[in-house]
Amino acid sequence: MTIEQIRGNLNEHLGKKVIIKYNLGRNKYEKYHAKIKELYKNVFIVELIESKIKNEVKSFSYSDIITKTIKIVY
């Protein structure tokens, strides 16, 4: 997969709810229920839905998907 394909895939789901599984290493994972908020040239921003902090956002790079640091379930 290329960055352009990933960006196109995320663009189709812009504003929709997704599940992001973030690999922290050593069999540790964080799981986020989020909404894809914005896409930029090198990163994308998600807004966490079930967060204790109001309007908490996280950013990830497209290369995180290529290197399998994160997995997105649409």
PDB file of N, CA and C in Angstrom:
ATOM      1  N   MET A   1       0.831  -1.191   0.000  1.00  0.00           N
ATOM      2  CA  MET A   1       0.000   0.000   0.000  1.00  0.00           C
ATOM      3  C   MET A   1       0.872   1.250   0.000  1.00  0.00           C
ATOM      4  N   THR A   2       0.444   2.226  -0.764  1.00  0.00           N
ATOM      5  CA  THR A   2       1.179   3.486  -0.793  1.00  0.00           C
ATOM      6  C   THR A   2       0.468   4.524   0.067  1.00  0.00           C
ATOM      7  N   ILE A   3       1.160   5.602   0.335  1.00  0.00           N
ATOM      8  CA  ILE A   3       0.589   6.673   1.137  1.00  0.00           C
ATOM      9  C   ILE A   3      -0.636   7.273   0.447  1.00  0.00           C
ATOM     10  N   GLU A   4      -0.602   7.384  -0.880  1.00  0.00           N
ATOM     11  CA  GLU A   4      -1.742   7.925  -1.623  1.00  0.00           C
ATOM     12  C   GLU A   4      -2.965   7.029  -1.480  1.00  0.00           C
ATOM     13  N   GLN A   5      -2.768   5.714  -1.512  1.00  0.00           N
ATOM     14  CA  GLN A   5      -3.880   4.778  -1.344  1.00  0.00           C
ATOM     15  C   GLN A   5      -4.458   4.873   0.061  1.00  0.00           C
ATOM     16  N   ILE A   6      -3.589   4.990   1.051  1.00  0.00           N
ATOM     17  CA  ILE A   6      -4.041   5.103   2.435  1.00  0.00           C
ATOM     18  C   ILE A   6      -4.813   6.401   2.627  1.00  0.00           C
ATOM     19  N   ARG A   7      -4.289   7.490   2.092  1.00  0.00           N
ATOM     20  CA  ARG A   7      -4.966   8.787   2.198  1.00  0.00           C
ATOM     21  C   ARG A   7      -6.342   8.733   1.533  1.00  0.00           C
ATOM     22  N   GLY A   8      -6.429   8.093   0.377  1.00  0.00           N
ATOM     23  CA  GLY A   8      -7.709   7.939  -0.310  1.00  0.00           C
ATOM     24  C   GLY A   8      -8.688   7.100   0.484  1.00  0.00           C
ATOM     25  N   ASN A   9      -8.187   6.027   1.085  1.00  0.00           N
ATOM     26  CA  ASN A   9      -9.011   5.166   1.929  1.00  0.00           C
ATOM     27  C   ASN A   9      -9.554   5.936   3.128  1.00  0.00           C
ATOM     28  N   LEU A  10      -8.696   6.717   3.781  1.00  0.00           N
ATOM     29  CA  LEU A  10      -9.127   7.499   4.933  1.00  0.00           C
ATOM     30  C   LEU A  10     -10.085   8.609   4.514  1.00  0.00           C
ATOM     31  N   ASN A  11      -9.880   9.161   3.333  1.00  0.00           N
ATOM     32  CA  ASN A  11     -10.752  10.233   2.847  1.00  0.00           C
ATOM     33  C   ASN A  11     -12.181   9.728   2.659  1.00  0.00           C
ATOM     34  N   GLU A  12     -12.327   8.456   2.265  1.00  0.00           N
ATOM     35  CA  GLU A  12     -13.654   7.859   2.118  1.00  0.00           C
ATOM     36  C   GLU A  12     -14.373   7.744   3.456  1.00  0.00           C
ATOM     37  N   HIS A  13     -13.619   7.661   4.540  1.00  0.00           N
ATOM     38  CA  HIS A  13     -14.194   7.485   5.870  1.00  0.00           C
ATOM     39  C   HIS A  13     -14.082   8.748   6.726  1.00  0.00           C
ATOM     40  N   LEU A  14     -13.821   9.878   6.099  1.00  0.00           N
ATOM     41  CA  LEU A  14     -13.685  11.147   6.814  1.00  0.00           C
ATOM     42  C   LEU A  14     -14.990  11.468   7.536  1.00  0.00           C
ATOM     43  N   GLY A  15     -14.890  11.750   8.834  1.00  0.00           N
ATOM     44  CA  GLY A  15     -16.064  12.074   9.639  1.00  0.00           C
ATOM     45  C   GLY A  15     -16.784  10.866  10.198  1.00  0.00           C
ATOM     46  N   LYS A  16     -16.322   9.658   9.861  1.00  0.00           N
ATOM     47  CA  LYS A  16     -16.977   8.436  10.332  1.00  0.00           C
ATOM     48  C   LYS A  16     -16.218   7.847  11.515  1.00  0.00           C
ATOM     49  N   LYS A  17     -16.909   7.002  12.268  1.00  0.00           N
ATOM     50  CA  LYS A  17     -16.313   6.365  13.434  1.00  0.00           C
ATOM     51  C   LYS A  17     -15.455   5.180  13.010  1.00  0.00           C
ATOM     52  N   VAL A  18     -14.297   5.051  13.656  1.00  0.00           N
ATOM     53  CA  VAL A  18     -13.376   3.944  13.402  1.00  0.00           C
ATOM     54  C   VAL A  18     -12.823   3.454  14.736  1.00  0.00           C
ATOM     55  N   ILE A  19     -12.192   2.299  14.705  1.00  0.00           N
ATOM     56  CA  ILE A  19     -11.470   1.776  15.868  1.00  0.00           C
ATOM     57  C   ILE A  19     -10.004   1.723  15.486  1.00  0.00           C
ATOM     58  N   ILE A  20      -9.161   2.307  16.328  1.00  0.00           N
ATOM     59  CA  ILE A  20      -7.725   2.327  16.073  1.00  0.00           C
ATOM     60  C   ILE A  20      -7.038   1.493  17.155  1.00  0.00           C
ATOM     61  N   LYS A  21      -6.255   0.527  16.717  1.00  0.00           N
ATOM     62  CA  LYS A  21      -5.477  -0.299  17.632  1.00  0.00           C
ATOM     63  C   LYS A  21      -4.021   0.111  17.471  1.00  0.00           C
ATOM     64  N   TYR A  22      -3.453   0.670  18.529  1.00  0.00           N
ATOM     65  CA  TYR A  22      -2.114   1.248  18.509  1.00  0.00           C
ATOM     66  C   TYR A  22      -1.152   0.305  19.211  1.00  0.00           C
ATOM     67  N   ASN A  23      -0.130  -0.165  18.497  1.00  0.00           N
ATOM     68  CA  ASN A  23       0.858  -1.100  19.027  1.00  0.00           C
ATOM     69  C   ASN A  23       1.953  -0.318  19.749  1.00  0.00           C
ATOM     70  N   LEU A  24       2.054  -0.515  21.062  1.00  0.00           N
ATOM     71  CA  LEU A  24       3.070   0.163  21.864  1.00  0.00           C
ATOM     72  C   LEU A  24       4.349  -0.654  21.979  1.00  0.00           C
ATOM     73  N   GLY A  25       4.336  -1.895  21.468  1.00  0.00           N
ATOM     74  CA  GLY A  25       5.504  -2.771  21.576  1.00  0.00           C
ATOM     75  C   GLY A  25       5.392  -3.668  22.790  1.00  0.00           C
ATOM     76  N   ARG A  26       6.122  -4.744  22.775  1.00  0.00           N
ATOM     77  CA  ARG A  26       6.135  -5.719  23.861  1.00  0.00           C
ATOM     78  C   ARG A  26       4.728  -6.180  24.234  1.00  0.00           C
ATOM     79  N   ASN A  27       3.948  -6.486  23.210  1.00  0.00           N
ATOM     80  CA  ASN A  27       2.579  -6.989  23.376  1.00  0.00           C
ATOM     81  C   ASN A  27       1.673  -6.046  24.156  1.00  0.00           C
ATOM     82  N   LYS A  28       1.914  -4.768  24.058  1.00  0.00           N
ATOM     83  CA  LYS A  28       1.057  -3.768  24.687  1.00  0.00           C
ATOM     84  C   LYS A  28       0.333  -2.993  23.597  1.00  0.00           C
ATOM     85  N   TYR A  29      -0.964  -2.821  23.782  1.00  0.00           N
ATOM     86  CA  TYR A  29      -1.792  -2.132  22.797  1.00  0.00           C
ATOM     87  C   TYR A  29      -2.693  -1.117  23.485  1.00  0.00           C
ATOM     88  N   GLU A  30      -3.030  -0.071  22.761  1.00  0.00           N
ATOM     89  CA  GLU A  30      -4.069   0.858  23.166  1.00  0.00           C
ATOM     90  C   GLU A  30      -5.126   0.822  22.089  1.00  0.00           C
ATOM     91  N   LYS A  31      -6.375   0.891  22.509  1.00  0.00           N
ATOM     92  CA  LYS A  31      -7.475   0.831  21.562  1.00  0.00           C
ATOM     93  C   LYS A  31      -8.295   2.105  21.707  1.00  0.00           C
ATOM     94  N   TYR A  32      -8.536   2.773  20.590  1.00  0.00           N
ATOM     95  CA  TYR A  32      -9.276   4.029  20.592  1.00  0.00           C
ATOM     96  C   TYR A  32     -10.518   3.903  19.718  1.00  0.00           C
ATOM     97  N   HIS A  33     -11.632   4.404  20.215  1.00  0.00           N
ATOM     98  CA  HIS A  33     -12.824   4.614  19.395  1.00  0.00           C
ATOM     99  C   HIS A  33     -12.760   6.075  19.004  1.00  0.00           C
ATOM    100  N   ALA A  34     -12.681   6.328  17.710  1.00  0.00           N
ATOM    101  CA  ALA A  34     -12.406   7.689  17.259  1.00  0.00           C
ATOM    102  C   ALA A  34     -13.178   8.008  15.986  1.00  0.00           C
ATOM    103  N   LYS A  35     -13.146   9.294  15.642  1.00  0.00           N
ATOM    104  CA  LYS A  35     -13.736   9.785  14.397  1.00  0.00           C
ATOM    105  C   LYS A  35     -12.623  10.467  13.621  1.00  0.00           C
ATOM    106  N   ILE A  36     -12.481  10.125  12.344  1.00  0.00           N
ATOM    107  CA  ILE A  36     -11.450  10.750  11.523  1.00  0.00           C
ATOM    108  C   ILE A  36     -11.860  12.198  11.283  1.00  0.00           C
ATOM    109  N   LYS A  37     -11.014  13.105  11.729  1.00  0.00           N
ATOM    110  CA  LYS A  37     -11.377  14.517  11.717  1.00  0.00           C
ATOM    111  C   LYS A  37     -10.787  15.278  10.532  1.00  0.00           C
ATOM    112  N   GLU A  38      -9.466  15.183  10.336  1.00  0.00           N
ATOM    113  CA  GLU A  38      -8.805  15.951   9.276  1.00  0.00           C
ATOM    114  C   GLU A  38      -7.671  15.136   8.663  1.00  0.00           C
ATOM    115  N   LEU A  39      -7.428  15.388   7.375  1.00  0.00           N
ATOM    116  CA  LEU A  39      -6.320  14.759   6.663  1.00  0.00           C
ATOM    117  C   LEU A  39      -5.371  15.838   6.180  1.00  0.00           C
ATOM    118  N   TYR A  40      -4.094  15.604   6.380  1.00  0.00           N
ATOM    119  CA  TYR A  40      -3.067  16.516   5.908  1.00  0.00           C
ATOM    120  C   TYR A  40      -2.101  15.746   5.024  1.00  0.00           C
ATOM    121  N   LYS A  41      -1.075  16.420   4.552  1.00  0.00           N
ATOM    122  CA  LYS A  41      -0.136  15.796   3.624  1.00  0.00           C
ATOM    123  C   LYS A  41       0.562  14.580   4.234  1.00  0.00           C
ATOM    124  N   ASN A  42       1.037  14.689   5.470  1.00  0.00           N
ATOM    125  CA  ASN A  42       1.805  13.606   6.080  1.00  0.00           C
ATOM    126  C   ASN A  42       1.137  12.955   7.284  1.00  0.00           C
ATOM    127  N   VAL A  43       0.109  13.576   7.832  1.00  0.00           N
ATOM    128  CA  VAL A  43      -0.544  13.058   9.035  1.00  0.00           C
ATOM    129  C   VAL A  43      -2.060  13.163   8.894  1.00  0.00           C
ATOM    130  N   PHE A  44      -2.745  12.440   9.778  1.00  0.00           N
ATOM    131  CA  PHE A  44      -4.187  12.601   9.890  1.00  0.00           C
ATOM    132  C   PHE A  44      -4.542  12.721  11.363  1.00  0.00           C
ATOM    133  N   ILE A  45      -5.655  13.402  11.631  1.00  0.00           N
ATOM    134  CA  ILE A  45      -6.062  13.701  12.997  1.00  0.00           C
ATOM    135  C   ILE A  45      -7.373  12.978  13.279  1.00  0.00           C
ATOM    136  N   VAL A  46      -7.458  12.364  14.459  1.00  0.00           N
ATOM    137  CA  VAL A  46      -8.687  11.717  14.892  1.00  0.00           C
ATOM    138  C   VAL A  46      -9.121  12.328  16.217  1.00  0.00           C
ATOM    139  N   GLU A  47     -10.429  12.380  16.411  1.00  0.00           N
ATOM    140  CA  GLU A  47     -10.986  12.862  17.672  1.00  0.00           C
ATOM    141  C   GLU A  47     -11.498  11.650  18.436  1.00  0.00           C
ATOM    142  N   LEU A  48     -11.026  11.475  19.666  1.00  0.00           N
ATOM    143  CA  LEU A  48     -11.415  10.318  20.458  1.00  0.00           C
ATOM    144  C   LEU A  48     -12.844  10.487  20.952  1.00  0.00           C
ATOM    145  N   ILE A  49     -13.618   9.420  20.874  1.00  0.00           N
ATOM    146  CA  ILE A  49     -15.028   9.471  21.252  1.00  0.00           C
ATOM    147  C   ILE A  49     -15.201   9.163  22.733  1.00  0.00           C
ATOM    148  N   GLU A  50     -14.628   8.090  23.195  1.00  0.00           N
ATOM    149  CA  GLU A  50     -14.796   7.669  24.585  1.00  0.00           C
ATOM    150  C   GLU A  50     -13.589   8.101  25.404  1.00  0.00           C
ATOM    151  N   SER A  51     -13.425   9.384  25.551  1.00  0.00           N
ATOM    152  CA  SER A  51     -12.270   9.921  26.260  1.00  0.00           C
ATOM    153  C   SER A  51     -12.728  10.680  27.495  1.00  0.00           C
ATOM    154  N   LYS A  52     -11.901  10.652  28.522  1.00  0.00           N
ATOM    155  CA  LYS A  52     -12.214  11.409  29.741  1.00  0.00           C
ATOM    156  C   LYS A  52     -12.008  12.898  29.529  1.00  0.00           C
ATOM    157  N   ILE A  53     -11.129  13.234  28.597  1.00  0.00           N
ATOM    158  CA  ILE A  53     -10.848  14.630  28.270  1.00  0.00           C
ATOM    159  C   ILE A  53     -11.748  15.033  27.108  1.00  0.00           C
ATOM    160  N   LYS A  54     -12.432  16.139  27.243  1.00  0.00           N
ATOM    161  CA  LYS A  54     -13.352  16.583  26.196  1.00  0.00           C
ATOM    162  C   LYS A  54     -12.560  17.018  24.956  1.00  0.00           C
ATOM    163  N   ASN A  55     -13.032  16.571  23.797  1.00  0.00           N
ATOM    164  CA  ASN A  55     -12.434  16.908  22.502  1.00  0.00           C
ATOM    165  C   ASN A  55     -10.956  16.527  22.398  1.00  0.00           C
ATOM    166  N   GLU A  56     -10.587  15.401  22.964  1.00  0.00           N
ATOM    167  CA  GLU A  56      -9.197  14.948  22.864  1.00  0.00           C
ATOM    168  C   GLU A  56      -8.913  14.472  21.445  1.00  0.00           C
ATOM    169  N   VAL A  57      -7.794  14.915  20.881  1.00  0.00           N
ATOM    170  CA  VAL A  57      -7.412  14.528  19.529  1.00  0.00           C
ATOM    171  C   VAL A  57      -6.042  13.861  19.554  1.00  0.00           C
ATOM    172  N   LYS A  58      -5.817  12.993  18.582  1.00  0.00           N
ATOM    173  CA  LYS A  58      -4.514  12.349  18.400  1.00  0.00           C
ATOM    174  C   LYS A  58      -4.186  12.423  16.919  1.00  0.00           C
ATOM    175  N   SER A  59      -2.887  12.468  16.638  1.00  0.00           N
ATOM    176  CA  SER A  59      -2.470  12.489  15.240  1.00  0.00           C
ATOM    177  C   SER A  59      -1.579  11.282  14.978  1.00  0.00           C
ATOM    178  N   PHE A  60      -1.701  10.771  13.774  1.00  0.00           N
ATOM    179  CA  PHE A  60      -0.912   9.634  13.333  1.00  0.00           C
ATOM    180  C   PHE A  60      -0.405   9.932  11.932  1.00  0.00           C
ATOM    181  N   SER A  61       0.709   9.337  11.571  1.00  0.00           N
ATOM    182  CA  SER A  61       1.214   9.502  10.208  1.00  0.00           C
ATOM    183  C   SER A  61       0.727   8.328   9.359  1.00  0.00           C
ATOM    184  N   TYR A  62       0.700   8.532   8.064  1.00  0.00           N
ATOM    185  CA  TYR A  62       0.298   7.468   7.149  1.00  0.00           C
ATOM    186  C   TYR A  62       1.295   6.313   7.201  1.00  0.00           C
ATOM    187  N   SER A  63       2.541   6.620   7.501  1.00  0.00           N
ATOM    188  CA  SER A  63       3.552   5.567   7.583  1.00  0.00           C
ATOM    189  C   SER A  63       3.317   4.654   8.792  1.00  0.00           C
ATOM    190  N   ASP A  64       2.576   5.133   9.802  1.00  0.00           N
ATOM    191  CA  ASP A  64       2.221   4.264  10.932  1.00  0.00           C
ATOM    192  C   ASP A  64       1.369   3.090  10.451  1.00  0.00           C
ATOM    193  N   ILE A  65       0.537   3.316   9.449  1.00  0.00           N
ATOM    194  CA  ILE A  65      -0.295   2.251   8.899  1.00  0.00           C
ATOM    195  C   ILE A  65       0.574   1.293   8.081  1.00  0.00           C
ATOM    196  N   ILE A  66       1.508   1.849   7.307  1.00  0.00           N
ATOM    197  CA  ILE A  66       2.385   1.005   6.480  1.00  0.00           C
ATOM    198  C   ILE A  66       3.261   0.115   7.347  1.00  0.00           C
ATOM    199  N   THR A  67       3.801   0.666   8.438  1.00  0.00           N
ATOM    200  CA  THR A  67       4.673  -0.102   9.328  1.00  0.00           C
ATOM    201  C   THR A  67       3.901  -0.932  10.334  1.00  0.00           C
ATOM    202  N   LYS A  68       2.570  -0.885  10.264  1.00  0.00           N
ATOM    203  CA  LYS A  68       1.675  -1.656  11.128  1.00  0.00           C
ATOM    204  C   LYS A  68       1.803  -1.280  12.597  1.00  0.00           C
ATOM    205  N   THR A  69       2.179  -0.026  12.855  1.00  0.00           N
ATOM    206  CA  THR A  69       2.163   0.473  14.226  1.00  0.00           C
ATOM    207  C   THR A  69       0.723   0.667  14.679  1.00  0.00           C
ATOM    208  N   ILE A  70      -0.138   1.059  13.738  1.00  0.00           N
ATOM    209  CA  ILE A  70      -1.569   1.159  14.044  1.00  0.00           C
ATOM    210  C   ILE A  70      -2.354   0.339  13.022  1.00  0.00           C
ATOM    211  N   LYS A  71      -3.507  -0.125  13.470  1.00  0.00           N
ATOM    212  CA  LYS A  71      -4.452  -0.811  12.584  1.00  0.00           C
ATOM    213  C   LYS A  71      -5.774  -0.075  12.731  1.00  0.00           C
ATOM    214  N   ILE A  72      -6.429   0.165  11.595  1.00  0.00           N
ATOM    215  CA  ILE A  72      -7.706   0.867  11.619  1.00  0.00           C
ATOM    216  C   ILE A  72      -8.789  -0.083  11.148  1.00  0.00           C
ATOM    217  N   VAL A  73      -9.852  -0.171  11.954  1.00  0.00           N
ATOM    218  CA  VAL A  73     -11.032  -0.967  11.594  1.00  0.00           C
ATOM    219  C   VAL A  73     -12.137   0.022  11.269  1.00  0.00           C
ATOM    220  N   TYR A  74     -12.619  -0.024  10.031  1.00  0.00           N
ATOM    221  CA  TYR A  74     -13.657   0.898   9.593  1.00  0.00           C
ATOM    222  C   TYR A  74     -15.030   0.407   9.971  1.00  0.00           C
TER     223      TYR A  74
END
